[in-house]
Amino acid sequence: SSIKYQMTNTDTLLEEVEAMAQYNVSEGFARMQARLRQKKQRRLYSIGSGIAALAAAVMLFLWLPIGMISVTNPNNATLVHNLPDGSQVELNKEATLKYARHFEKNRSVTLKGEAFFDVKRNEQSPFVIKAGHSQVKVLGTSFNVYHNPANDRVEVLVKTGTVLLSYEDSYALELNAEEFGIAQDATLKMLPQQDPNYMAWKEHELHYDNSPLSYVAQTLEEAYHCKIHFSHDSLRQQGISTTFYHLSIDEIMTSISLTLDLKIEKEGEVYTISN
């Protein structure tokens, strides 16, 4: 609106010049000089600021990707997002997904954070996930992808089907159902995934078999995005065997308190465990 205002002032001034041309030239020139002296400073500032605003707008336009869609989950609860091709993505907290509006022509997305993908099969159009320097490529399957931008580490856990994991232009690592792969520092590795609670952020099912409370606290923090403190380090080694199915974090903490006869205090999203 500021640019439009400055242009309107300039047009008005030009109209006045044309009108003065119909009268005595000397008189018109004198009036023009007086007009310019009175408005010189204001006009220079206005035109300068207008040009600056226009330049900023042009730069912003050049830097913004055209036709891109960005989805971010700011909440503790997972966010389900449906893609135009019928695929579904479940975003963990603070995860961001980006893709082009004309997605069906090129099934490619960019991911930061963690998400679970249930990809609709299309053999003519592979589904590609770009995460840092790594890439995940599938035709149609379900799998979990975790990308940590801080160290550019990508983890992939396949639930069904086959997934190809690659790092830049290196060879691709083929992962099948229940297999776990890591891409980092130009290296691809397939490792056994033995943590029963790796997907707890999505499923909210947690299994513990004489597990120390330090591990319990770690998995609960990752699954429920809370903080758990211990009043004494000795409490970290206390073991517990139990399973939690789709319970809230408050219900879980109450159960731990009653099972192990511990005191648990809550302040905001922070829990403190003590004797």
Protein backbone atom coordinates (compact mmCIF):
# COMPACT_ATOMS: atom_id res chain seq x y z
CA SER A 1 0.00 0.00 0.00
CA SER A 2 2.94 2.33 0.69
CA ILE A 3 4.26 1.76 -2.84
CA LYS A 4 0.86 2.52 -4.32
CA TYR A 5 0.67 5.75 -2.30
CA GLN A 6 4.06 6.96 -3.50
CA MET A 7 3.20 6.25 -7.13
CA THR A 8 -0.08 8.14 -6.78
CA ASN A 9 1.78 11.24 -5.49
CA THR A 10 4.18 11.07 -8.42
CA ASP A 11 1.34 10.77 -10.95
CA THR A 12 -0.41 13.78 -9.37
CA LEU A 13 2.74 15.85 -9.69
CA LEU A 14 3.07 14.97 -13.36
CA GLU A 15 -0.55 15.94 -13.95
CA GLU A 16 0.16 19.35 -12.40
CA VAL A 17 3.13 19.80 -14.74
CA GLU A 18 0.94 19.07 -17.76
CA ALA A 19 -1.70 21.51 -16.55
CA MET A 20 0.89 24.26 -16.07
CA ALA A 21 2.12 23.74 -19.61
CA GLN A 22 -1.18 25.19 -20.83
CA TYR A 23 -0.33 28.56 -19.25
CA ASN A 24 2.63 30.90 -19.40
CA VAL A 25 5.79 28.81 -19.53
CA SER A 26 7.79 31.14 -17.24
CA GLU A 27 4.99 31.23 -14.68
CA GLY A 28 4.62 27.49 -14.84
CA PHE A 29 8.36 26.94 -14.42
CA ALA A 30 8.49 29.22 -11.39
CA ARG A 31 5.55 27.45 -9.77
CA MET A 32 7.19 24.14 -10.50
CA GLN A 33 10.46 25.20 -8.84
CA ALA A 34 8.60 26.33 -5.72
CA ARG A 35 6.64 23.09 -5.65
CA LEU A 36 9.80 21.06 -5.93
CA ARG A 37 11.58 23.01 -3.16
CA GLN A 38 8.66 22.49 -0.80
CA LYS A 39 8.35 18.75 -1.41
CA LYS A 40 11.88 17.81 -2.33
CA GLN A 41 12.85 16.20 0.95
CA ARG A 42 9.53 14.44 1.47
CA ARG A 43 9.39 13.21 -2.09
CA LEU A 44 12.95 11.91 -2.08
CA TYR A 45 12.25 10.03 1.13
CA SER A 46 8.94 8.72 -0.20
CA ILE A 47 10.34 7.57 -3.52
CA GLY A 48 13.39 6.08 -1.81
CA SER A 49 11.32 4.15 0.69
CA GLY A 50 8.96 3.06 -2.07
CA ILE A 51 11.87 1.72 -4.14
CA ALA A 52 13.27 -0.04 -1.07
CA ALA A 53 9.92 -1.63 -0.34
CA LEU A 54 9.55 -2.70 -3.95
CA ALA A 55 13.05 -4.19 -3.95
CA ALA A 56 12.31 -6.08 -0.74
CA ALA A 57 9.09 -7.43 -2.22
CA VAL A 58 10.91 -8.55 -5.37
CA MET A 59 13.65 -10.25 -3.32
CA LEU A 60 11.05 -11.99 -1.18
CA PHE A 61 9.28 -13.21 -4.31
CA LEU A 62 12.53 -14.53 -5.76
CA TRP A 63 13.50 -16.37 -2.58
CA LEU A 64 10.10 -17.98 -1.87
CA PRO A 65 9.61 -21.35 -3.59
CA ILE A 66 6.73 -21.12 -6.03
CA GLY A 67 3.87 -23.55 -5.50
CA MET A 68 5.31 -25.21 -2.39
CA ILE A 69 3.26 -26.56 0.52
CA SER A 70 4.76 -26.79 4.00
CA VAL A 71 3.21 -28.67 6.93
CA THR A 72 4.62 -28.46 10.49
CA ASN A 73 3.34 -30.14 13.63
CA PRO A 74 3.77 -27.78 16.64
CA ASN A 75 1.79 -29.96 19.06
CA ASN A 76 2.62 -32.87 21.36
CA ALA A 77 -0.02 -35.01 19.64
CA THR A 78 0.80 -36.50 16.24
CA LEU A 79 -0.52 -34.76 13.12
CA VAL A 80 -1.99 -36.79 10.25
CA HIS A 81 -1.63 -35.22 6.79
CA ASN A 82 -3.09 -36.66 3.58
CA LEU A 83 -1.12 -36.14 0.37
CA PRO A 84 -2.81 -35.53 -3.01
CA ASP A 85 -1.92 -39.04 -4.28
CA GLY A 86 -3.75 -40.75 -1.42
CA SER A 87 -0.65 -41.40 0.69
CA GLN A 88 -0.80 -40.56 4.38
CA VAL A 89 1.86 -39.03 6.62
CA GLU A 90 1.80 -38.93 10.42
CA LEU A 91 4.10 -36.19 11.74
CA ASN A 92 5.78 -36.30 15.14
CA LYS A 93 6.12 -33.07 17.13
CA GLU A 94 8.14 -30.31 15.38
CA ALA A 95 8.41 -32.35 12.17
CA THR A 96 8.12 -30.44 8.88
CA LEU A 97 7.04 -31.81 5.51
CA LYS A 98 7.35 -29.87 2.23
CA TYR A 99 6.18 -30.76 -1.26
CA ALA A 100 5.09 -29.15 -4.54
CA ARG A 101 1.46 -28.37 -5.28
CA HIS A 102 1.70 -30.46 -8.45
CA PHE A 103 2.66 -33.41 -6.29
CA GLU A 104 1.01 -36.15 -8.34
CA LYS A 105 3.31 -35.39 -11.28
CA ASN A 106 6.41 -35.76 -9.12
CA ARG A 107 5.92 -37.62 -5.83
CA SER A 108 8.77 -36.01 -3.93
CA VAL A 109 8.76 -34.55 -0.39
CA THR A 110 11.33 -33.05 1.98
CA LEU A 111 11.33 -34.04 5.66
CA LYS A 112 12.85 -32.58 8.80
CA GLY A 113 12.12 -34.45 12.02
CA GLU A 114 10.20 -37.70 12.30
CA ALA A 115 7.22 -39.05 10.38
CA PHE A 116 5.49 -42.31 9.54
CA PHE A 117 4.58 -42.81 5.87
CA ASP A 118 1.86 -45.02 4.45
CA VAL A 119 2.51 -44.64 0.72
CA LYS A 120 -0.05 -45.49 -1.94
CA ARG A 121 1.52 -47.77 -4.52
CA ASN A 122 2.26 -46.34 -7.96
CA GLU A 123 4.82 -48.24 -10.05
CA GLN A 124 4.93 -45.47 -12.67
CA SER A 125 5.77 -42.77 -10.12
CA PRO A 126 8.17 -43.65 -7.27
CA PHE A 127 7.70 -41.88 -3.94
CA VAL A 128 10.86 -40.04 -2.82
CA ILE A 129 11.67 -38.53 0.58
CA LYS A 130 14.60 -36.11 0.75
CA ALA A 131 16.12 -35.74 4.21
CA GLY A 132 19.35 -33.75 4.35
CA HIS A 133 21.90 -35.51 2.13
CA SER A 134 19.94 -38.77 2.21
CA GLN A 135 17.05 -40.08 0.18
CA VAL A 136 14.36 -42.70 0.71
CA LYS A 137 12.68 -44.17 -2.36
CA VAL A 138 9.66 -46.49 -2.47
CA LEU A 139 6.83 -47.53 -4.77
CA GLY A 140 4.24 -48.22 -2.10
CA THR A 141 4.84 -49.30 1.49
CA SER A 142 4.72 -48.16 5.14
CA PHE A 143 7.77 -47.08 7.11
CA ASN A 144 9.12 -44.64 9.69
CA VAL A 145 11.72 -41.97 8.87
CA TYR A 146 13.64 -39.94 11.42
CA HIS A 147 15.89 -37.09 10.25
CA ASN A 148 18.04 -35.18 12.70
CA PRO A 149 19.22 -31.98 10.93
CA ALA A 150 21.84 -31.35 13.65
CA ASN A 151 24.02 -34.28 12.54
CA ASP A 152 22.24 -35.12 9.27
CA ARG A 153 21.44 -38.63 10.53
CA VAL A 154 18.57 -40.49 8.88
CA GLU A 155 16.97 -43.59 10.38
CA VAL A 156 14.46 -45.78 8.54
CA LEU A 157 12.37 -48.56 10.06
CA VAL A 158 10.27 -50.50 7.54
CA LYS A 159 6.90 -51.89 8.57
CA THR A 160 5.75 -53.34 5.23
CA GLY A 161 7.17 -53.62 1.72
CA THR A 162 10.61 -52.57 0.50
CA VAL A 163 12.48 -49.28 0.91
CA LEU A 164 15.66 -48.01 -0.78
CA LEU A 165 17.86 -45.80 1.42
CA SER A 166 20.76 -43.89 -0.15
CA TYR A 167 23.24 -41.15 0.79
CA GLU A 168 23.75 -38.59 -1.99
CA ASP A 169 24.97 -40.54 -5.04
CA SER A 170 26.13 -43.62 -3.17
CA TYR A 171 24.65 -47.07 -3.63
CA ALA A 172 21.19 -47.78 -2.20
CA LEU A 173 20.57 -49.97 0.82
CA GLU A 174 17.51 -52.20 0.39
CA LEU A 175 15.40 -52.56 3.53
CA ASN A 176 12.51 -54.98 3.93
CA ALA A 177 9.82 -55.38 6.58
CA GLU A 178 11.09 -54.98 10.16
CA GLU A 179 14.58 -53.99 8.96
CA PHE A 180 16.33 -50.87 10.23
CA GLY A 181 18.80 -48.70 8.32
CA ILE A 182 20.91 -45.62 9.05
CA ALA A 183 22.43 -43.08 6.65
CA GLN A 184 25.06 -40.67 7.99
CA ASP A 185 28.43 -39.26 6.91
CA ALA A 186 28.29 -40.94 3.50
CA THR A 187 27.79 -44.32 5.19
CA LEU A 188 24.84 -46.71 4.99
CA LYS A 189 24.32 -49.34 7.68
CA MET A 190 21.70 -51.98 8.39
CA LEU A 191 21.35 -52.71 12.08
CA PRO A 192 19.01 -54.83 14.20
CA GLN A 193 16.32 -52.69 15.81
CA GLN A 194 15.77 -54.30 19.21
CA ASP A 195 14.11 -51.41 21.01
CA PRO A 196 10.47 -52.45 21.52
CA ASN A 197 9.53 -48.81 22.10
CA TYR A 198 11.12 -47.26 19.01
CA MET A 199 7.69 -46.41 17.58
CA ALA A 200 6.10 -45.43 20.90
CA TRP A 201 5.70 -41.80 19.72
CA LYS A 202 3.12 -43.02 17.19
CA GLU A 203 1.60 -46.13 18.74
CA HIS A 204 1.71 -45.14 22.43
CA GLU A 205 2.35 -48.75 23.35
CA LEU A 206 5.25 -49.22 25.75
CA HIS A 207 6.76 -52.49 26.92
CA TYR A 208 9.16 -52.89 29.83
CA ASP A 209 10.80 -56.08 31.08
CA ASN A 210 12.70 -55.34 34.29
CA SER A 211 13.76 -52.10 32.62
CA PRO A 212 15.60 -49.45 34.66
CA LEU A 213 13.67 -46.25 35.31
CA SER A 214 16.35 -44.33 33.39
CA TYR A 215 15.28 -46.14 30.20
CA VAL A 216 11.60 -45.78 31.10
CA ALA A 217 12.05 -42.02 31.54
CA GLN A 218 13.90 -41.72 28.22
CA THR A 219 11.19 -43.51 26.23
CA LEU A 220 8.40 -41.56 27.95
CA GLU A 221 10.12 -38.26 27.21
CA GLU A 222 10.42 -39.17 23.52
CA ALA A 223 6.86 -40.52 23.24
CA TYR A 224 5.06 -37.80 25.23
CA HIS A 225 7.42 -34.82 24.84
CA CYS A 226 7.77 -34.24 28.57
CA LYS A 227 10.68 -34.02 31.02
CA ILE A 228 11.33 -36.51 33.84
CA HIS A 229 13.77 -35.76 36.65
CA PHE A 230 15.02 -37.92 39.54
CA SER A 231 15.62 -36.55 43.02
CA HIS A 232 18.35 -39.19 43.56
CA ASP A 233 20.49 -41.00 40.96
CA SER A 234 19.91 -44.30 42.76
CA LEU A 235 16.29 -44.23 41.57
CA ARG A 236 17.42 -44.47 37.94
CA GLN A 237 18.44 -48.11 38.38
CA GLN A 238 15.16 -49.26 39.89
CA GLY A 239 13.56 -51.81 37.56
CA ILE A 240 9.98 -52.23 36.41
CA SER A 241 8.13 -54.82 34.29
CA THR A 242 4.88 -53.66 32.78
CA THR A 243 3.09 -52.71 29.54
CA PHE A 244 1.18 -49.51 28.85
CA TYR A 245 -1.45 -49.42 26.12
CA HIS A 246 -2.70 -46.02 24.87
CA LEU A 247 -2.53 -44.32 28.28
CA SER A 248 -1.93 -40.65 28.95
CA ILE A 249 1.39 -39.63 30.48
CA ASP A 250 -0.38 -38.75 33.74
CA GLU A 251 -1.93 -42.23 33.91
CA ILE A 252 1.46 -43.83 33.26
CA MET A 253 3.20 -41.78 35.95
CA THR A 254 0.46 -42.64 38.45
CA SER A 255 0.88 -46.34 37.65
CA ILE A 256 4.66 -46.15 38.13
CA SER A 257 4.15 -44.34 41.44
CA LEU A 258 1.77 -47.01 42.77
CA THR A 259 3.78 -49.97 41.45
CA LEU A 260 7.14 -48.89 42.87
CA ASP A 261 5.83 -46.90 45.84
CA LEU A 262 7.40 -43.67 44.62
CA LYS A 263 6.41 -40.05 44.90
CA ILE A 264 5.90 -38.23 41.61
CA GLU A 265 5.32 -34.49 41.43
CA LYS A 266 4.27 -32.60 38.32
CA GLU A 267 4.94 -28.98 37.38
CA GLY A 268 3.84 -28.10 33.88
CA GLU A 269 5.32 -30.78 31.61
CA VAL A 270 8.06 -31.70 34.11
CA TYR A 271 7.78 -34.75 36.41
CA THR A 272 10.04 -35.32 39.39
CA ILE A 273 10.41 -38.84 40.84
CA SER A 274 11.47 -39.25 44.44
CA ASN A 275 11.21 -41.77 47.29
